[in-house]
Amino acid sequence: MPHSIPRIMVLADQIGLRMRQLSRVLDQLPADQALNLIAYTLHPDDSLLGNFTQLVETGARIARDQAERGELPPEVCLALGRAANELHSIGVDLDEHKDTLGRAGAPAGTAEARPASPAPLVARRHR
């Protein structure tokens, strides 16, 4: 069954609107709830980040097919492929911290909660 382009665009607009609403709500949540929401939405598999990554991967595959037919410049295909790879890498990087985010978002006084200890913010990146 063919999809109506206007209906699909409305769906994309609705998803974008919901994400903006979620961002505004996140900004107003208490820190423990905000950390739980971040851990939930950024989980690399079945989450907002995972689903967005899958969307970009699908777009990259479609762009590759179109580039192979000469209907798109190869640069478009390569750019989408790089974006999909970067999103996947970001998900992998965040995956190693999901448990920490979950513990940090646990209510105070639970076995999961851990007292915060100040730490200097130093950019440490490893792959």
PDB file of N, CA and C in Angstrom:
ATOM      1  N   MET A   1       0.844  -1.169   0.000  1.00  0.00           N
ATOM      2  CA  MET A   1       0.000   0.000   0.000  1.00  0.00           C
ATOM      3  C   MET A   1       0.895   1.239   0.000  1.00  0.00           C
ATOM      4  N   PRO A   2       0.773   2.091  -0.983  1.00  0.00           N
ATOM      5  CA  PRO A   2       1.614   3.290  -1.027  1.00  0.00           C
ATOM      6  C   PRO A   2       1.250   4.269   0.091  1.00  0.00           C
ATOM      7  N   HIS A   3       2.271   4.964   0.563  1.00  0.00           N
ATOM      8  CA  HIS A   3       2.071   5.942   1.635  1.00  0.00           C
ATOM      9  C   HIS A   3       1.852   7.316   1.039  1.00  0.00           C
ATOM     10  N   SER A   4       0.994   8.042   1.660  1.00  0.00           N
ATOM     11  CA  SER A   4       0.757   9.420   1.256  1.00  0.00           C
ATOM     12  C   SER A   4       1.873  10.283   1.834  1.00  0.00           C
ATOM     13  N   ILE A   5       2.573  11.001   0.981  1.00  0.00           N
ATOM     14  CA  ILE A   5       3.692  11.831   1.441  1.00  0.00           C
ATOM     15  C   ILE A   5       3.237  12.852   2.489  1.00  0.00           C
ATOM     16  N   PRO A   6       2.122  13.569   2.282  1.00  0.00           N
ATOM     17  CA  PRO A   6       1.718  14.528   3.319  1.00  0.00           C
ATOM     18  C   PRO A   6       1.465  13.862   4.665  1.00  0.00           C
ATOM     19  N   ARG A   7       0.879  12.662   4.666  1.00  0.00           N
ATOM     20  CA  ARG A   7       0.616  11.968   5.925  1.00  0.00           C
ATOM     21  C   ARG A   7       1.911  11.568   6.617  1.00  0.00           C
ATOM     22  N   ILE A   8       2.891  11.150   5.841  1.00  0.00           N
ATOM     23  CA  ILE A   8       4.186  10.775   6.408  1.00  0.00           C
ATOM     24  C   ILE A   8       4.888  12.004   6.982  1.00  0.00           C
ATOM     25  N   MET A   9       4.787  13.128   6.297  1.00  0.00           N
ATOM     26  CA  MET A   9       5.400  14.356   6.801  1.00  0.00           C
ATOM     27  C   MET A   9       4.731  14.807   8.101  1.00  0.00           C
ATOM     28  N   VAL A  10       3.425  14.626   8.186  1.00  0.00           N
ATOM     29  CA  VAL A  10       2.711  14.962   9.427  1.00  0.00           C
ATOM     30  C   VAL A  10       3.226  14.084  10.558  1.00  0.00           C
ATOM     31  N   LEU A  11       3.427  12.812  10.283  1.00  0.00           N
ATOM     32  CA  LEU A  11       3.971  11.896  11.295  1.00  0.00           C
ATOM     33  C   LEU A  11       5.347  12.362  11.747  1.00  0.00           C
ATOM     34  N   ALA A  12       6.213  12.719  10.809  1.00  0.00           N
ATOM     35  CA  ALA A  12       7.551  13.203  11.163  1.00  0.00           C
ATOM     36  C   ALA A  12       7.460  14.486  11.988  1.00  0.00           C
ATOM     37  N   ASP A  13       6.566  15.385  11.612  1.00  0.00           N
ATOM     38  CA  ASP A  13       6.379  16.623  12.388  1.00  0.00           C
ATOM     39  C   ASP A  13       5.902  16.326  13.804  1.00  0.00           C
ATOM     40  N   GLN A  14       4.978  15.368  13.943  1.00  0.00           N
ATOM     41  CA  GLN A  14       4.463  15.002  15.262  1.00  0.00           C
ATOM     42  C   GLN A  14       5.564  14.410  16.134  1.00  0.00           C
ATOM     43  N   ILE A  15       6.405  13.581  15.550  1.00  0.00           N
ATOM     44  CA  ILE A  15       7.510  12.985  16.307  1.00  0.00           C
ATOM     45  C   ILE A  15       8.473  14.082  16.762  1.00  0.00           C
ATOM     46  N   GLY A  16       8.797  15.011  15.861  1.00  0.00           N
ATOM     47  CA  GLY A  16       9.666  16.126  16.226  1.00  0.00           C
ATOM     48  C   GLY A  16       9.070  16.969  17.336  1.00  0.00           C
ATOM     49  N   LEU A  17       7.762  17.243  17.252  1.00  0.00           N
ATOM     50  CA  LEU A  17       7.081  18.015  18.289  1.00  0.00           C
ATOM     51  C   LEU A  17       7.156  17.301  19.624  1.00  0.00           C
ATOM     52  N   ARG A  18       6.898  16.003  19.624  1.00  0.00           N
ATOM     53  CA  ARG A  18       6.963  15.232  20.876  1.00  0.00           C
ATOM     54  C   ARG A  18       8.369  15.239  21.472  1.00  0.00           C
ATOM     55  N   MET A  19       9.378  15.171  20.619  1.00  0.00           N
ATOM     56  CA  MET A  19      10.757  15.200  21.117  1.00  0.00           C
ATOM     57  C   MET A  19      11.068  16.559  21.745  1.00  0.00           C
ATOM     58  N   ARG A  20      10.585  17.641  21.124  1.00  0.00           N
ATOM     59  CA  ARG A  20      10.789  18.980  21.714  1.00  0.00           C
ATOM     60  C   ARG A  20      10.066  19.088  23.048  1.00  0.00           C
ATOM     61  N   GLN A  21       8.853  18.537  23.130  1.00  0.00           N
ATOM     62  CA  GLN A  21       8.103  18.548  24.387  1.00  0.00           C
ATOM     63  C   GLN A  21       8.856  17.761  25.458  1.00  0.00           C
ATOM     64  N   LEU A  22       9.374  16.621  25.089  1.00  0.00           N
ATOM     65  CA  LEU A  22      10.136  15.798  26.020  1.00  0.00           C
ATOM     66  C   LEU A  22      11.372  16.544  26.518  1.00  0.00           C
ATOM     67  N   SER A  23      12.027  17.267  25.640  1.00  0.00           N
ATOM     68  CA  SER A  23      13.200  18.050  26.029  1.00  0.00           C
ATOM     69  C   SER A  23      12.829  19.131  27.042  1.00  0.00           C
ATOM     70  N   ARG A  24      11.700  19.797  26.812  1.00  0.00           N
ATOM     71  CA  ARG A  24      11.262  20.830  27.757  1.00  0.00           C
ATOM     72  C   ARG A  24      10.906  20.228  29.114  1.00  0.00           C
ATOM     73  N   VAL A  25      10.240  19.068  29.103  1.00  0.00           N
ATOM     74  CA  VAL A  25       9.891  18.393  30.348  1.00  0.00           C
ATOM     75  C   VAL A  25      11.165  17.952  31.075  1.00  0.00           C
ATOM     76  N   LEU A  26      12.110  17.408  30.338  1.00  0.00           N
ATOM     77  CA  LEU A  26      13.378  16.964  30.921  1.00  0.00           C
ATOM     78  C   LEU A  26      14.057  18.103  31.666  1.00  0.00           C
ATOM     79  N   ASP A  27      14.026  19.273  31.077  1.00  0.00           N
ATOM     80  CA  ASP A  27      14.671  20.441  31.675  1.00  0.00           C
ATOM     81  C   ASP A  27      14.020  20.837  33.002  1.00  0.00           C
ATOM     82  N   GLN A  28      12.791  20.434  33.220  1.00  0.00           N
ATOM     83  CA  GLN A  28      12.063  20.837  34.423  1.00  0.00           C
ATOM     84  C   GLN A  28      11.975  19.737  35.478  1.00  0.00           C
ATOM     85  N   LEU A  29      12.442  18.544  35.166  1.00  0.00           N
ATOM     86  CA  LEU A  29      12.369  17.425  36.107  1.00  0.00           C
ATOM     87  C   LEU A  29      13.414  17.546  37.206  1.00  0.00           C
ATOM     88  N   PRO A  30      13.134  16.973  38.374  1.00  0.00           N
ATOM     89  CA  PRO A  30      14.182  16.847  39.385  1.00  0.00           C
ATOM     90  C   PRO A  30      15.320  15.996  38.820  1.00  0.00           C
ATOM     91  N   ALA A  31      16.518  16.210  39.312  1.00  0.00           N
ATOM     92  CA  ALA A  31      17.713  15.572  38.748  1.00  0.00           C
ATOM     93  C   ALA A  31      17.603  14.061  38.674  1.00  0.00           C
ATOM     94  N   ASP A  32      17.073  13.403  39.711  1.00  0.00           N
ATOM     95  CA  ASP A  32      17.003  11.936  39.677  1.00  0.00           C
ATOM     96  C   ASP A  32      16.069  11.449  38.567  1.00  0.00           C
ATOM     97  N   GLN A  33      14.932  12.110  38.399  1.00  0.00           N
ATOM     98  CA  GLN A  33      14.002  11.725  37.336  1.00  0.00           C
ATOM     99  C   GLN A  33      14.582  12.053  35.958  1.00  0.00           C
ATOM    100  N   ALA A  34      15.279  13.174  35.873  1.00  0.00           N
ATOM    101  CA  ALA A  34      15.897  13.556  34.592  1.00  0.00           C
ATOM    102  C   ALA A  34      16.941  12.521  34.176  1.00  0.00           C
ATOM    103  N   LEU A  35      17.761  12.065  35.110  1.00  0.00           N
ATOM    104  CA  LEU A  35      18.783  11.063  34.789  1.00  0.00           C
ATOM    105  C   LEU A  35      18.151   9.748  34.356  1.00  0.00           C
ATOM    106  N   ASN A  36      17.058   9.360  35.018  1.00  0.00           N
ATOM    107  CA  ASN A  36      16.355   8.147  34.599  1.00  0.00           C
ATOM    108  C   ASN A  36      15.815   8.292  33.183  1.00  0.00           C
ATOM    109  N   LEU A  37      15.249   9.450  32.884  1.00  0.00           N
ATOM    110  CA  LEU A  37      14.713   9.686  31.545  1.00  0.00           C
ATOM    111  C   LEU A  37      15.828   9.684  30.503  1.00  0.00           C
ATOM    112  N   ILE A  38      16.956  10.299  30.835  1.00  0.00           N
ATOM    113  CA  ILE A  38      18.093  10.304  29.903  1.00  0.00           C
ATOM    114  C   ILE A  38      18.561   8.878  29.647  1.00  0.00           C
ATOM    115  N   ALA A  39      18.733   8.094  30.704  1.00  0.00           N
ATOM    116  CA  ALA A  39      19.174   6.705  30.533  1.00  0.00           C
ATOM    117  C   ALA A  39      18.179   5.931  29.666  1.00  0.00           C
ATOM    118  N   TYR A  40      16.907   6.173  29.881  1.00  0.00           N
ATOM    119  CA  TYR A  40      15.865   5.470  29.126  1.00  0.00           C
ATOM    120  C   TYR A  40      15.854   5.880  27.656  1.00  0.00           C
ATOM    121  N   THR A  41      15.961   7.156  27.379  1.00  0.00           N
ATOM    122  CA  THR A  41      15.844   7.635  26.000  1.00  0.00           C
ATOM    123  C   THR A  41      17.121   7.443  25.189  1.00  0.00           C
ATOM    124  N   LEU A  42      18.262   7.320  25.848  1.00  0.00           N
ATOM    125  CA  LEU A  42      19.522   7.203  25.120  1.00  0.00           C
ATOM    126  C   LEU A  42      20.056   5.777  25.057  1.00  0.00           C
ATOM    127  N   HIS A  43      19.321   4.834  25.599  1.00  0.00           N
ATOM    128  CA  HIS A  43      19.753   3.439  25.497  1.00  0.00           C
ATOM    129  C   HIS A  43      19.954   3.125  24.019  1.00  0.00           C
ATOM    130  N   PRO A  44      21.058   2.478  23.646  1.00  0.00           N
ATOM    131  CA  PRO A  44      21.371   2.327  22.217  1.00  0.00           C
ATOM    132  C   PRO A  44      20.461   1.388  21.434  1.00  0.00           C
ATOM    133  N   ASP A  45      19.717   0.533  22.100  1.00  0.00           N
ATOM    134  CA  ASP A  45      18.932  -0.450  21.353  1.00  0.00           C
ATOM    135  C   ASP A  45      17.503   0.024  21.097  1.00  0.00           C
ATOM    136  N   ASP A  46      16.635  -0.159  22.045  1.00  0.00           N
ATOM    137  CA  ASP A  46      15.214   0.121  21.837  1.00  0.00           C
ATOM    138  C   ASP A  46      14.829   1.403  22.563  1.00  0.00           C
ATOM    139  N   SER A  47      15.236   2.522  22.009  1.00  0.00           N
ATOM    140  CA  SER A  47      14.981   3.818  22.633  1.00  0.00           C
ATOM    141  C   SER A  47      14.876   4.871  21.547  1.00  0.00           C
ATOM    142  N   LEU A  48      14.735   6.107  21.977  1.00  0.00           N
ATOM    143  CA  LEU A  48      14.712   7.200  20.999  1.00  0.00           C
ATOM    144  C   LEU A  48      15.992   7.214  20.179  1.00  0.00           C
ATOM    145  N   LEU A  49      17.134   7.116  20.851  1.00  0.00           N
ATOM    146  CA  LEU A  49      18.408   7.127  20.125  1.00  0.00           C
ATOM    147  C   LEU A  49      18.524   5.926  19.200  1.00  0.00           C
ATOM    148  N   GLY A  50      18.166   4.761  19.695  1.00  0.00           N
ATOM    149  CA  GLY A  50      18.235   3.559  18.873  1.00  0.00           C
ATOM    150  C   GLY A  50      17.315   3.637  17.668  1.00  0.00           C
ATOM    151  N   ASN A  51      16.122   4.135  17.880  1.00  0.00           N
ATOM    152  CA  ASN A  51      15.171   4.245  16.771  1.00  0.00           C
ATOM    153  C   ASN A  51      15.603   5.306  15.767  1.00  0.00           C
ATOM    154  N   PHE A  52      16.155   6.419  16.252  1.00  0.00           N
ATOM    155  CA  PHE A  52      16.641   7.449  15.331  1.00  0.00           C
ATOM    156  C   PHE A  52      17.834   6.926  14.534  1.00  0.00           C
ATOM    157  N   THR A  53      18.706   6.195  15.196  1.00  0.00           N
ATOM    158  CA  THR A  53      19.847   5.590  14.503  1.00  0.00           C
ATOM    159  C   THR A  53      19.355   4.657  13.401  1.00  0.00           C
ATOM    160  N   GLN A  54      18.339   3.849  13.715  1.00  0.00           N
ATOM    161  CA  GLN A  54      17.781   2.941  12.719  1.00  0.00           C
ATOM    162  C   GLN A  54      17.180   3.719  11.549  1.00  0.00           C
ATOM    163  N   LEU A  55      16.530   4.845  11.824  1.00  0.00           N
ATOM    164  CA  LEU A  55      15.966   5.680  10.764  1.00  0.00           C
ATOM    165  C   LEU A  55      17.061   6.195   9.835  1.00  0.00           C
ATOM    166  N   VAL A  56      18.166   6.678  10.416  1.00  0.00           N
ATOM    167  CA  VAL A  56      19.269   7.196   9.600  1.00  0.00           C
ATOM    168  C   VAL A  56      19.942   6.063   8.830  1.00  0.00           C
ATOM    169  N   GLU A  57      20.085   4.886   9.455  1.00  0.00           N
ATOM    170  CA  GLU A  57      20.654   3.732   8.749  1.00  0.00           C
ATOM    171  C   GLU A  57      19.786   3.346   7.553  1.00  0.00           C
ATOM    172  N   THR A  58      18.476   3.365   7.724  1.00  0.00           N
ATOM    173  CA  THR A  58      17.568   3.061   6.621  1.00  0.00           C
ATOM    174  C   THR A  58      17.717   4.100   5.518  1.00  0.00           C
ATOM    175  N   GLY A  59      17.792   5.378   5.902  1.00  0.00           N
ATOM    176  CA  GLY A  59      18.005   6.440   4.923  1.00  0.00           C
ATOM    177  C   GLY A  59      19.317   6.270   4.181  1.00  0.00           C
ATOM    178  N   ALA A  60      20.362   5.849   4.890  1.00  0.00           N
ATOM    179  CA  ALA A  60      21.668   5.636   4.258  1.00  0.00           C
ATOM    180  C   ALA A  60      21.604   4.498   3.241  1.00  0.00           C
ATOM    181  N   ARG A  61      20.885   3.438   3.590  1.00  0.00           N
ATOM    182  CA  ARG A  61      20.745   2.315   2.665  1.00  0.00           C
ATOM    183  C   ARG A  61      19.974   2.734   1.413  1.00  0.00           C
ATOM    184  N   ILE A  62      18.903   3.494   1.592  1.00  0.00           N
ATOM    185  CA  ILE A  62      18.124   3.976   0.449  1.00  0.00           C
ATOM    186  C   ILE A  62      18.968   4.913  -0.405  1.00  0.00           C
ATOM    187  N   ALA A  63      19.719   5.794   0.246  1.00  0.00           N
ATOM    188  CA  ALA A  63      20.580   6.731  -0.489  1.00  0.00           C
ATOM    189  C   ALA A  63      21.659   5.975  -1.268  1.00  0.00           C
ATOM    190  N   ARG A  64      22.202   4.906  -0.671  1.00  0.00           N
ATOM    191  CA  ARG A  64      23.206   4.107  -1.376  1.00  0.00           C
ATOM    192  C   ARG A  64      22.612   3.503  -2.647  1.00  0.00           C
ATOM    193  N   ASP A  65      21.404   2.946  -2.512  1.00  0.00           N
ATOM    194  CA  ASP A  65      20.746   2.372  -3.694  1.00  0.00           C
ATOM    195  C   ASP A  65      20.521   3.438  -4.765  1.00  0.00           C
ATOM    196  N   GLN A  66      20.110   4.617  -4.357  1.00  0.00           N
ATOM    197  CA  GLN A  66      19.863   5.701  -5.307  1.00  0.00           C
ATOM    198  C   GLN A  66      21.167   6.196  -5.925  1.00  0.00           C
ATOM    199  N   ALA A  67      22.222   6.240  -5.133  1.00  0.00           N
ATOM    200  CA  ALA A  67      23.526   6.674  -5.657  1.00  0.00           C
ATOM    201  C   ALA A  67      24.056   5.652  -6.665  1.00  0.00           C
ATOM    202  N   GLU A  68      23.841   4.371  -6.394  1.00  0.00           N
ATOM    203  CA  GLU A  68      24.285   3.336  -7.324  1.00  0.00           C
ATOM    204  C   GLU A  68      23.533   3.410  -8.650  1.00  0.00           C
ATOM    205  N   ARG A  69      22.341   3.945  -8.619  1.00  0.00           N
ATOM    206  CA  ARG A  69      21.558   4.123  -9.853  1.00  0.00           C
ATOM    207  C   ARG A  69      21.871   5.459 -10.529  1.00  0.00           C
ATOM    208  N   GLY A  70      22.687   6.279  -9.884  1.00  0.00           N
ATOM    209  CA  GLY A  70      23.037   7.576 -10.448  1.00  0.00           C
ATOM    210  C   GLY A  70      22.016   8.659 -10.180  1.00  0.00           C
ATOM    211  N   GLU A  71      21.070   8.400  -9.282  1.00  0.00           N
ATOM    212  CA  GLU A  71      20.020   9.367  -8.988  1.00  0.00           C
ATOM    213  C   GLU A  71      20.395  10.318  -7.854  1.00  0.00           C
ATOM    214  N   LEU A  72      21.425  10.006  -7.118  1.00  0.00           N
ATOM    215  CA  LEU A  72      21.942  10.866  -6.045  1.00  0.00           C
ATOM    216  C   LEU A  72      23.454  10.942  -6.175  1.00  0.00           C
ATOM    217  N   PRO A  73      24.028  12.072  -5.823  1.00  0.00           N
ATOM    218  CA  PRO A  73      25.494  12.133  -5.795  1.00  0.00           C
ATOM    219  C   PRO A  73      26.032  11.200  -4.708  1.00  0.00           C
ATOM    220  N   PRO A  74      27.165  10.561  -4.934  1.00  0.00           N
ATOM    221  CA  PRO A  74      27.730   9.647  -3.936  1.00  0.00           C
ATOM    222  C   PRO A  74      27.985  10.329  -2.588  1.00  0.00           C
ATOM    223  N   GLU A  75      28.248  11.639  -2.618  1.00  0.00           N
ATOM    224  CA  GLU A  75      28.533  12.361  -1.368  1.00  0.00           C
ATOM    225  C   GLU A  75      27.353  12.296  -0.407  1.00  0.00           C
ATOM    226  N   VAL A  76      26.127  12.289  -0.945  1.00  0.00           N
ATOM    227  CA  VAL A  76      24.932  12.208  -0.091  1.00  0.00           C
ATOM    228  C   VAL A  76      24.888  10.853   0.607  1.00  0.00           C
ATOM    229  N   CYS A  77      25.115   9.816  -0.158  1.00  0.00           N
ATOM    230  CA  CYS A  77      25.142   8.464   0.387  1.00  0.00           C
ATOM    231  C   CYS A  77      26.218   8.338   1.466  1.00  0.00           C
ATOM    232  N   LEU A  78      27.403   8.843   1.169  1.00  0.00           N
ATOM    233  CA  LEU A  78      28.512   8.752   2.124  1.00  0.00           C
ATOM    234  C   LEU A  78      28.225   9.546   3.391  1.00  0.00           C
ATOM    235  N   ALA A  79      27.625  10.722   3.247  1.00  0.00           N
ATOM    236  CA  ALA A  79      27.309  11.553   4.414  1.00  0.00           C
ATOM    237  C   ALA A  79      26.290  10.849   5.311  1.00  0.00           C
ATOM    238  N   LEU A  80      25.260  10.268   4.719  1.00  0.00           N
ATOM    239  CA  LEU A  80      24.278   9.544   5.524  1.00  0.00           C
ATOM    240  C   LEU A  80      24.890   8.306   6.172  1.00  0.00           C
ATOM    241  N   GLY A  81      25.752   7.630   5.453  1.00  0.00           N
ATOM    242  CA  GLY A  81      26.439   6.470   6.032  1.00  0.00           C
ATOM    243  C   GLY A  81      27.309   6.859   7.217  1.00  0.00           C
ATOM    244  N   ARG A  82      28.039   7.978   7.075  1.00  0.00           N
ATOM    245  CA  ARG A  82      28.867   8.464   8.189  1.00  0.00           C
ATOM    246  C   ARG A  82      27.994   8.844   9.376  1.00  0.00           C
ATOM    247  N   ALA A  83      26.864   9.506   9.104  1.00  0.00           N
ATOM    248  CA  ALA A  83      25.955   9.893  10.187  1.00  0.00           C
ATOM    249  C   ALA A  83      25.433   8.660  10.914  1.00  0.00           C
ATOM    250  N   ALA A  84      25.052   7.646  10.175  1.00  0.00           N
ATOM    251  CA  ALA A  84      24.564   6.412  10.796  1.00  0.00           C
ATOM    252  C   ALA A  84      25.662   5.761  11.645  1.00  0.00           C
ATOM    253  N   ASN A  85      26.880   5.722  11.115  1.00  0.00           N
ATOM    254  CA  ASN A  85      27.998   5.143  11.872  1.00  0.00           C
ATOM    255  C   ASN A  85      28.285   5.935  13.137  1.00  0.00           C
ATOM    256  N   GLU A  86      28.252   7.256  13.033  1.00  0.00           N
ATOM    257  CA  GLU A  86      28.513   8.098  14.210  1.00  0.00           C
ATOM    258  C   GLU A  86      27.433   7.908  15.270  1.00  0.00           C
ATOM    259  N   LEU A  87      26.175   7.867  14.839  1.00  0.00           N
ATOM    260  CA  LEU A  87      25.090   7.645  15.799  1.00  0.00           C
ATOM    261  C   LEU A  87      25.250   6.294  16.484  1.00  0.00           C
ATOM    262  N   HIS A  88      25.626   5.287  15.719  1.00  0.00           N
ATOM    263  CA  HIS A  88      25.857   3.969  16.313  1.00  0.00           C
ATOM    264  C   HIS A  88      26.996   4.036  17.337  1.00  0.00           C
ATOM    265  N   SER A  89      28.077   4.719  16.985  1.00  0.00           N
ATOM    266  CA  SER A  89      29.213   4.867  17.913  1.00  0.00           C
ATOM    267  C   SER A  89      28.807   5.614  19.177  1.00  0.00           C
ATOM    268  N   ILE A  90      28.007   6.641  19.013  1.00  0.00           N
ATOM    269  CA  ILE A  90      27.514   7.388  20.179  1.00  0.00           C
ATOM    270  C   ILE A  90      26.701   6.459  21.074  1.00  0.00           C
ATOM    271  N   GLY A  91      25.847   5.650  20.468  1.00  0.00           N
ATOM    272  CA  GLY A  91      25.063   4.697  21.245  1.00  0.00           C
ATOM    273  C   GLY A  91      25.933   3.718  22.003  1.00  0.00           C
ATOM    274  N   VAL A  92      26.992   3.231  21.356  1.00  0.00           N
ATOM    275  CA  VAL A  92      27.920   2.314  22.024  1.00  0.00           C
ATOM    276  C   VAL A  92      28.625   3.026  23.178  1.00  0.00           C
ATOM    277  N   ASP A  93      29.063   4.269  22.942  1.00  0.00           N
ATOM    278  CA  ASP A  93      29.717   5.037  24.006  1.00  0.00           C
ATOM    279  C   ASP A  93      28.780   5.238  25.196  1.00  0.00           C
ATOM    280  N   LEU A  94      27.523   5.549  24.927  1.00  0.00           N
ATOM    281  CA  LEU A  94      26.558   5.780  26.004  1.00  0.00           C
ATOM    282  C   LEU A  94      26.156   4.488  26.693  1.00  0.00           C
ATOM    283  N   ASP A  95      26.169   3.389  25.966  1.00  0.00           N
ATOM    284  CA  ASP A  95      25.767   2.105  26.539  1.00  0.00           C
ATOM    285  C   ASP A  95      26.604   1.752  27.756  1.00  0.00           C
ATOM    286  N   GLU A  96      27.887   2.061  27.712  1.00  0.00           N
ATOM    287  CA  GLU A  96      28.742   1.717  28.855  1.00  0.00           C
ATOM    288  C   GLU A  96      28.423   2.549  30.091  1.00  0.00           C
ATOM    289  N   HIS A  97      27.611   3.591  29.938  1.00  0.00           N
ATOM    290  CA  HIS A  97      27.265   4.458  31.074  1.00  0.00           C
ATOM    291  C   HIS A  97      25.813   4.336  31.502  1.00  0.00           C
ATOM    292  N   LYS A  98      25.024   3.480  30.836  1.00  0.00           N
ATOM    293  CA  LYS A  98      23.596   3.414  31.141  1.00  0.00           C
ATOM    294  C   LYS A  98      23.341   2.963  32.581  1.00  0.00           C
ATOM    295  N   ASP A  99      24.126   2.017  33.088  1.00  0.00           N
ATOM    296  CA  ASP A  99      23.931   1.558  34.463  1.00  0.00           C
ATOM    297  C   ASP A  99      24.269   2.670  35.452  1.00  0.00           C
ATOM    298  N   THR A 100      25.314   3.421  35.162  1.00  0.00           N
ATOM    299  CA  THR A 100      25.699   4.530  36.034  1.00  0.00           C
ATOM    300  C   THR A 100      24.603   5.582  36.060  1.00  0.00           C
ATOM    301  N   LEU A 101      24.047   5.899  34.899  1.00  0.00           N
ATOM    302  CA  LEU A 101      22.946   6.861  34.846  1.00  0.00           C
ATOM    303  C   LEU A 101      21.749   6.349  35.632  1.00  0.00           C
ATOM    304  N   GLY A 102      21.456   5.064  35.499  1.00  0.00           N
ATOM    305  CA  GLY A 102      20.340   4.482  36.232  1.00  0.00           C
ATOM    306  C   GLY A 102      20.549   4.539  37.730  1.00  0.00           C
ATOM    307  N   ARG A 103      21.775   4.246  38.182  1.00  0.00           N
ATOM    308  CA  ARG A 103      22.071   4.325  39.617  1.00  0.00           C
ATOM    309  C   ARG A 103      22.003   5.762  40.108  1.00  0.00           C
ATOM    310  N   ALA A 104      22.528   6.683  39.303  1.00  0.00           N
ATOM    311  CA  ALA A 104      22.518   8.093  39.708  1.00  0.00           C
ATOM    312  C   ALA A 104      21.090   8.614  39.777  1.00  0.00           C
ATOM    313  N   GLY A 105      20.194   8.039  38.982  1.00  0.00           N
ATOM    314  CA  GLY A 105      18.812   8.485  38.989  1.00  0.00           C
ATOM    315  C   GLY A 105      17.943   7.767  39.999  1.00  0.00           C
ATOM    316  N   ALA A 106      18.524   6.805  40.747  1.00  0.00           N
ATOM    317  CA  ALA A 106      17.742   6.095  41.755  1.00  0.00           C
ATOM    318  C   ALA A 106      17.421   7.033  42.906  1.00  0.00           C
ATOM    319  N   PRO A 107      16.238   6.887  43.496  1.00  0.00           N
ATOM    320  CA  PRO A 107      15.876   7.757  44.624  1.00  0.00           C
ATOM    321  C   PRO A 107      16.873   7.627  45.771  1.00  0.00           C
ATOM    322  N   ALA A 108      17.109   8.722  46.461  1.00  0.00           N
ATOM    323  CA  ALA A 108      18.040   8.730  47.593  1.00  0.00           C
ATOM    324  C   ALA A 108      17.568   7.736  48.645  1.00  0.00           C
ATOM    325  N   GLY A 109      18.520   7.059  49.255  1.00  0.00           N
ATOM    326  CA  GLY A 109      18.200   6.107  50.308  1.00  0.00           C
ATOM    327  C   GLY A 109      17.995   4.691  49.807  1.00  0.00           C
ATOM    328  N   THR A 110      18.002   4.477  48.503  1.00  0.00           N
ATOM    329  CA  THR A 110      17.866   3.114  47.994  1.00  0.00           C
ATOM    330  C   THR A 110      19.247   2.507  47.848  1.00  0.00           C
ATOM    331  N   ALA A 111      19.274   1.209  47.725  1.00  0.00           N
ATOM    332  CA  ALA A 111      20.560   0.522  47.574  1.00  0.00           C
ATOM    333  C   ALA A 111      21.246   0.945  46.284  1.00  0.00           C
ATOM    334  N   GLU A 112      20.450   1.350  45.281  1.00  0.00           N
ATOM    335  CA  GLU A 112      21.015   1.750  43.999  1.00  0.00           C
ATOM    336  C   GLU A 112      21.680   3.122  44.064  1.00  0.00           C
ATOM    337  N   ALA A 113      21.173   3.983  44.949  1.00  0.00           N
ATOM    338  CA  ALA A 113      21.690   5.351  45.006  1.00  0.00           C
ATOM    339  C   ALA A 113      23.112   5.345  45.554  1.00  0.00           C
ATOM    340  N   ARG A 114      23.909   6.229  45.050  1.00  0.00           N
ATOM    341  CA  ARG A 114      25.296   6.335  45.473  1.00  0.00           C
ATOM    342  C   ARG A 114      25.568   7.795  45.764  1.00  0.00           C
ATOM    343  N   PRO A 115      26.225   8.111  46.870  1.00  0.00           N
ATOM    344  CA  PRO A 115      26.502   9.512  47.140  1.00  0.00           C
ATOM    345  C   PRO A 115      27.350  10.118  46.027  1.00  0.00           C
ATOM    346  N   ALA A 116      26.991  11.312  45.662  1.00  0.00           N
ATOM    347  CA  ALA A 116      27.732  11.993  44.598  1.00  0.00           C
ATOM    348  C   ALA A 116      29.083  12.450  45.128  1.00  0.00           C
ATOM    349  N   SER A 117      30.077  12.298  44.307  1.00  0.00           N
ATOM    350  CA  SER A 117      31.386  12.824  44.668  1.00  0.00           C
ATOM    351  C   SER A 117      31.820  13.755  43.550  1.00  0.00           C
ATOM    352  N   PRO A 118      32.202  14.964  43.903  1.00  0.00           N
ATOM    353  CA  PRO A 118      32.592  15.914  42.873  1.00  0.00           C
ATOM    354  C   PRO A 118      33.779  15.392  42.073  1.00  0.00           C
ATOM    355  N   ALA A 119      33.762  15.670  40.797  1.00  0.00           N
ATOM    356  CA  ALA A 119      34.856  15.249  39.930  1.00  0.00           C
ATOM    357  C   ALA A 119      35.090  16.333  38.893  1.00  0.00           C
ATOM    358  N   PRO A 120      36.354  16.577  38.594  1.00  0.00           N
ATOM    359  CA  PRO A 120      36.625  17.565  37.552  1.00  0.00           C
ATOM    360  C   PRO A 120      36.130  17.029  36.211  1.00  0.00           C
ATOM    361  N   LEU A 121      35.565  17.922  35.420  1.00  0.00           N
ATOM    362  CA  LEU A 121      35.082  17.506  34.113  1.00  0.00           C
ATOM    363  C   LEU A 121      36.230  17.574  33.124  1.00  0.00           C
ATOM    364  N   VAL A 122      36.724  16.402  32.802  1.00  0.00           N
ATOM    365  CA  VAL A 122      37.831  16.284  31.871  1.00  0.00           C
ATOM    366  C   VAL A 122      37.324  15.454  30.703  1.00  0.00           C
ATOM    367  N   ALA A 123      37.573  15.937  29.529  1.00  0.00           N
ATOM    368  CA  ALA A 123      37.144  15.206  28.346  1.00  0.00           C
ATOM    369  C   ALA A 123      38.019  13.981  28.172  1.00  0.00           C
ATOM    370  N   ARG A 124      37.401  12.819  28.372  1.00  0.00           N
ATOM    371  CA  ARG A 124      38.090  11.550  28.158  1.00  0.00           C
ATOM    372  C   ARG A 124      37.312  10.789  27.106  1.00  0.00           C
ATOM    373  N   ARG A 125      37.959  10.554  26.020  1.00  0.00           N
ATOM    374  CA  ARG A 125      37.280   9.844  24.943  1.00  0.00           C
ATOM    375  C   ARG A 125      38.131   8.657  24.549  1.00  0.00           C
ATOM    376  N   HIS A 126      37.513   7.503  24.533  1.00  0.00           N
ATOM    377  CA  HIS A 126      38.220   6.311  24.108  1.00  0.00           C
ATOM    378  C   HIS A 126      37.303   5.485  23.235  1.00  0.00           C
ATOM    379  N   ARG A 127      37.901   4.852  22.285  1.00  0.00           N
ATOM    380  CA  ARG A 127      37.142   3.991  21.360  1.00  0.00           C
ATOM    381  C   ARG A 127      37.913   2.739  21.105  1.00  0.00           C
TER     382      ARG A 127
END
